[in-house]
Amino acid sequence: MGSDSIKRYALDTMREMPMDTLLCGGVQWMTEDSVESIMQDQDLDVDEFYMFKILKAWGSVADSERQAAARRMSMHIELKFIDPDLLKTQVRDAGYFEEKQIMEAVKLIED
């Protein structure tokens, strides 16, 4: 099996079973570029809250560079598609978004 075949298999597996592959510890070993590629992958079978959880799992490693990169990559998450209660708790507590962004998303959802 060639290198390209292995990469394709890994990508297909992540797309089909993201919770099993990414949220069970796999994402913490990825590079910033790999995580950003996942954040932008339209074929990944997750909603916005799970995308947030992927980012949080990667960014939660005690590394100030990762945390700054996670805040930057959070722009790929559309907050308006996350439940307001989750926005007000878990998303807010992560510190990747400004309070104004969270409140605007909550307002959009509740209107």
C-alpha atoms as a PDB file:
ATOM      1  CA  MET A   1       0.000   0.000   0.000  1.00  0.00           C
ATOM      2  CA  GLY A   2       1.555   3.299  -1.082  1.00  0.00           C
ATOM      3  CA  SER A   3       1.809   6.511   0.920  1.00  0.00           C
ATOM      4  CA  ASP A   4      -1.025   8.145  -1.054  1.00  0.00           C
ATOM      5  CA  SER A   5      -3.279   5.141  -0.412  1.00  0.00           C
ATOM      6  CA  ILE A   6      -2.630   5.347   3.322  1.00  0.00           C
ATOM      7  CA  LYS A   7      -3.356   9.103   3.368  1.00  0.00           C
ATOM      8  CA  ARG A   8      -6.584   8.560   1.404  1.00  0.00           C
ATOM      9  CA  TYR A   9      -7.654   5.755   3.760  1.00  0.00           C
ATOM     10  CA  ALA A  10      -6.924   7.898   6.835  1.00  0.00           C
ATOM     11  CA  LEU A  11      -8.845  10.864   5.413  1.00  0.00           C
ATOM     12  CA  ASP A  12     -11.813   8.700   4.433  1.00  0.00           C
ATOM     13  CA  THR A  13     -11.865   7.132   7.906  1.00  0.00           C
ATOM     14  CA  MET A  14     -11.788  10.564   9.586  1.00  0.00           C
ATOM     15  CA  ARG A  15     -14.628  11.766   7.362  1.00  0.00           C
ATOM     16  CA  GLU A  16     -16.807   8.735   8.044  1.00  0.00           C
ATOM     17  CA  MET A  17     -16.049   8.308  11.762  1.00  0.00           C
ATOM     18  CA  PRO A  18     -14.854  11.671  13.094  1.00  0.00           C
ATOM     19  CA  MET A  19     -15.937  11.052  16.672  1.00  0.00           C
ATOM     20  CA  ASP A  20     -14.026   7.759  16.814  1.00  0.00           C
ATOM     21  CA  THR A  21     -10.884   9.048  15.131  1.00  0.00           C
ATOM     22  CA  LEU A  22     -10.575  12.724  16.017  1.00  0.00           C
ATOM     23  CA  LEU A  23     -12.298  13.171  19.357  1.00  0.00           C
ATOM     24  CA  CYS A  24     -10.884  10.024  20.937  1.00  0.00           C
ATOM     25  CA  GLY A  25      -7.428  11.564  21.140  1.00  0.00           C
ATOM     26  CA  GLY A  26      -6.313  11.464  17.512  1.00  0.00           C
ATOM     27  CA  VAL A  27      -6.529  15.195  16.911  1.00  0.00           C
ATOM     28  CA  GLN A  28      -4.082  16.091  19.681  1.00  0.00           C
ATOM     29  CA  TRP A  29      -1.209  14.596  17.654  1.00  0.00           C
ATOM     30  CA  MET A  30      -1.972  16.544  14.484  1.00  0.00           C
ATOM     31  CA  THR A  31      -0.121  19.559  13.180  1.00  0.00           C
ATOM     32  CA  GLU A  32      -1.747  22.970  12.949  1.00  0.00           C
ATOM     33  CA  ASP A  33      -2.014  22.642   9.156  1.00  0.00           C
ATOM     34  CA  SER A  34      -3.730  19.262   9.473  1.00  0.00           C
ATOM     35  CA  VAL A  35      -6.271  20.584  11.972  1.00  0.00           C
ATOM     36  CA  GLU A  36      -6.988  23.607   9.794  1.00  0.00           C
ATOM     37  CA  SER A  37      -7.535  21.302   6.804  1.00  0.00           C
ATOM     38  CA  ILE A  38     -10.030  19.322   8.866  1.00  0.00           C
ATOM     39  CA  MET A  39     -11.769  22.528   9.937  1.00  0.00           C
ATOM     40  CA  GLN A  40     -12.234  23.444   6.272  1.00  0.00           C
ATOM     41  CA  ASP A  41     -13.221  19.956   5.050  1.00  0.00           C
ATOM     42  CA  GLN A  42     -16.798  20.150   3.797  1.00  0.00           C
ATOM     43  CA  ASP A  43     -17.030  16.347   3.568  1.00  0.00           C
ATOM     44  CA  LEU A  44     -16.416  15.748   7.272  1.00  0.00           C
ATOM     45  CA  ASP A  45     -19.596  14.306   8.783  1.00  0.00           C
ATOM     46  CA  VAL A  46     -19.944  16.612  11.815  1.00  0.00           C
ATOM     47  CA  ASP A  47     -22.002  19.604  12.855  1.00  0.00           C
ATOM     48  CA  GLU A  48     -20.532  22.911  14.012  1.00  0.00           C
ATOM     49  CA  PHE A  49     -20.513  21.969  17.686  1.00  0.00           C
ATOM     50  CA  TYR A  50     -18.481  18.831  16.994  1.00  0.00           C
ATOM     51  CA  MET A  51     -16.144  20.912  14.840  1.00  0.00           C
ATOM     52  CA  PHE A  52     -15.724  23.159  17.877  1.00  0.00           C
ATOM     53  CA  LYS A  53     -15.012  20.085  20.030  1.00  0.00           C
ATOM     54  CA  ILE A  54     -12.329  18.964  17.572  1.00  0.00           C
ATOM     55  CA  LEU A  55     -10.704  22.387  17.745  1.00  0.00           C
ATOM     56  CA  LYS A  56     -10.966  22.460  21.539  1.00  0.00           C
ATOM     57  CA  ALA A  57      -9.423  18.988  21.842  1.00  0.00           C
ATOM     58  CA  TRP A  58      -6.457  20.109  19.730  1.00  0.00           C
ATOM     59  CA  GLY A  59      -6.138  23.515  21.410  1.00  0.00           C
ATOM     60  CA  SER A  60      -6.420  22.179  24.943  1.00  0.00           C
ATOM     61  CA  VAL A  61      -2.851  20.867  24.886  1.00  0.00           C
ATOM     62  CA  ALA A  62      -0.844  23.139  27.201  1.00  0.00           C
ATOM     63  CA  ASP A  63       0.912  25.138  24.514  1.00  0.00           C
ATOM     64  CA  SER A  64       0.400  28.891  24.094  1.00  0.00           C
ATOM     65  CA  GLU A  65       1.113  28.685  20.354  1.00  0.00           C
ATOM     66  CA  ARG A  66      -1.636  26.098  19.926  1.00  0.00           C
ATOM     67  CA  GLN A  67      -4.094  28.194  21.859  1.00  0.00           C
ATOM     68  CA  ALA A  68      -3.367  31.236  19.693  1.00  0.00           C
ATOM     69  CA  ALA A  69      -3.717  29.094  16.555  1.00  0.00           C
ATOM     70  CA  ALA A  70      -7.001  27.633  17.868  1.00  0.00           C
ATOM     71  CA  ARG A  71      -8.390  31.149  18.371  1.00  0.00           C
ATOM     72  CA  ARG A  72      -7.409  31.975  14.785  1.00  0.00           C
ATOM     73  CA  MET A  73      -8.893  28.737  13.394  1.00  0.00           C
ATOM     74  CA  SER A  74     -12.157  29.315  15.255  1.00  0.00           C
ATOM     75  CA  MET A  75     -13.132  31.576  12.357  1.00  0.00           C
ATOM     76  CA  HIS A  76     -14.001  28.373  10.467  1.00  0.00           C
ATOM     77  CA  ILE A  77     -16.828  27.625  12.906  1.00  0.00           C
ATOM     78  CA  GLU A  78     -20.243  29.121  12.209  1.00  0.00           C
ATOM     79  CA  LEU A  79     -21.619  29.862  15.652  1.00  0.00           C
ATOM     80  CA  LYS A  80     -25.164  30.413  14.377  1.00  0.00           C
ATOM     81  CA  PHE A  81     -25.476  26.637  13.915  1.00  0.00           C
ATOM     82  CA  ILE A  82     -24.677  25.790  17.557  1.00  0.00           C
ATOM     83  CA  ASP A  83     -27.330  25.496  20.258  1.00  0.00           C
ATOM     84  CA  PRO A  84     -27.530  28.730  22.304  1.00  0.00           C
ATOM     85  CA  ASP A  85     -27.073  26.853  25.610  1.00  0.00           C
ATOM     86  CA  LEU A  86     -23.829  25.339  24.299  1.00  0.00           C
ATOM     87  CA  LEU A  87     -22.700  28.751  23.042  1.00  0.00           C
ATOM     88  CA  LYS A  88     -23.312  30.284  26.461  1.00  0.00           C
ATOM     89  CA  THR A  89     -21.421  27.554  28.287  1.00  0.00           C
ATOM     90  CA  GLN A  90     -18.866  25.343  26.555  1.00  0.00           C
ATOM     91  CA  VAL A  91     -18.105  27.604  23.604  1.00  0.00           C
ATOM     92  CA  ARG A  92     -17.798  30.727  25.765  1.00  0.00           C
ATOM     93  CA  ASP A  93     -15.653  28.930  28.333  1.00  0.00           C
ATOM     94  CA  ALA A  94     -13.135  27.827  25.683  1.00  0.00           C
ATOM     95  CA  GLY A  95     -12.109  31.447  25.108  1.00  0.00           C
ATOM     96  CA  TYR A  96     -11.747  31.157  21.326  1.00  0.00           C
ATOM     97  CA  PHE A  97     -14.504  33.667  20.565  1.00  0.00           C
ATOM     98  CA  GLU A  98     -15.194  37.224  21.616  1.00  0.00           C
ATOM     99  CA  GLU A  99     -18.267  37.726  23.791  1.00  0.00           C
ATOM    100  CA  LYS A 100     -19.753  39.883  21.033  1.00  0.00           C
ATOM    101  CA  GLN A 101     -19.525  36.999  18.526  1.00  0.00           C
ATOM    102  CA  ILE A 102     -21.298  34.638  20.891  1.00  0.00           C
ATOM    103  CA  MET A 103     -24.067  37.097  21.715  1.00  0.00           C
ATOM    104  CA  GLU A 104     -24.620  37.932  18.021  1.00  0.00           C
ATOM    105  CA  ALA A 105     -24.964  34.217  17.221  1.00  0.00           C
ATOM    106  CA  VAL A 106     -27.404  33.698  20.102  1.00  0.00           C
ATOM    107  CA  LYS A 107     -29.463  36.654  18.892  1.00  0.00           C
ATOM    108  CA  LEU A 108     -29.544  35.295  15.325  1.00  0.00           C
ATOM    109  CA  ILE A 109     -30.687  31.899  16.564  1.00  0.00           C
ATOM    110  CA  GLU A 110     -33.340  33.199  18.942  1.00  0.00           C
ATOM    111  CA  ASP A 111     -34.849  35.760  16.531  1.00  0.00           C
END
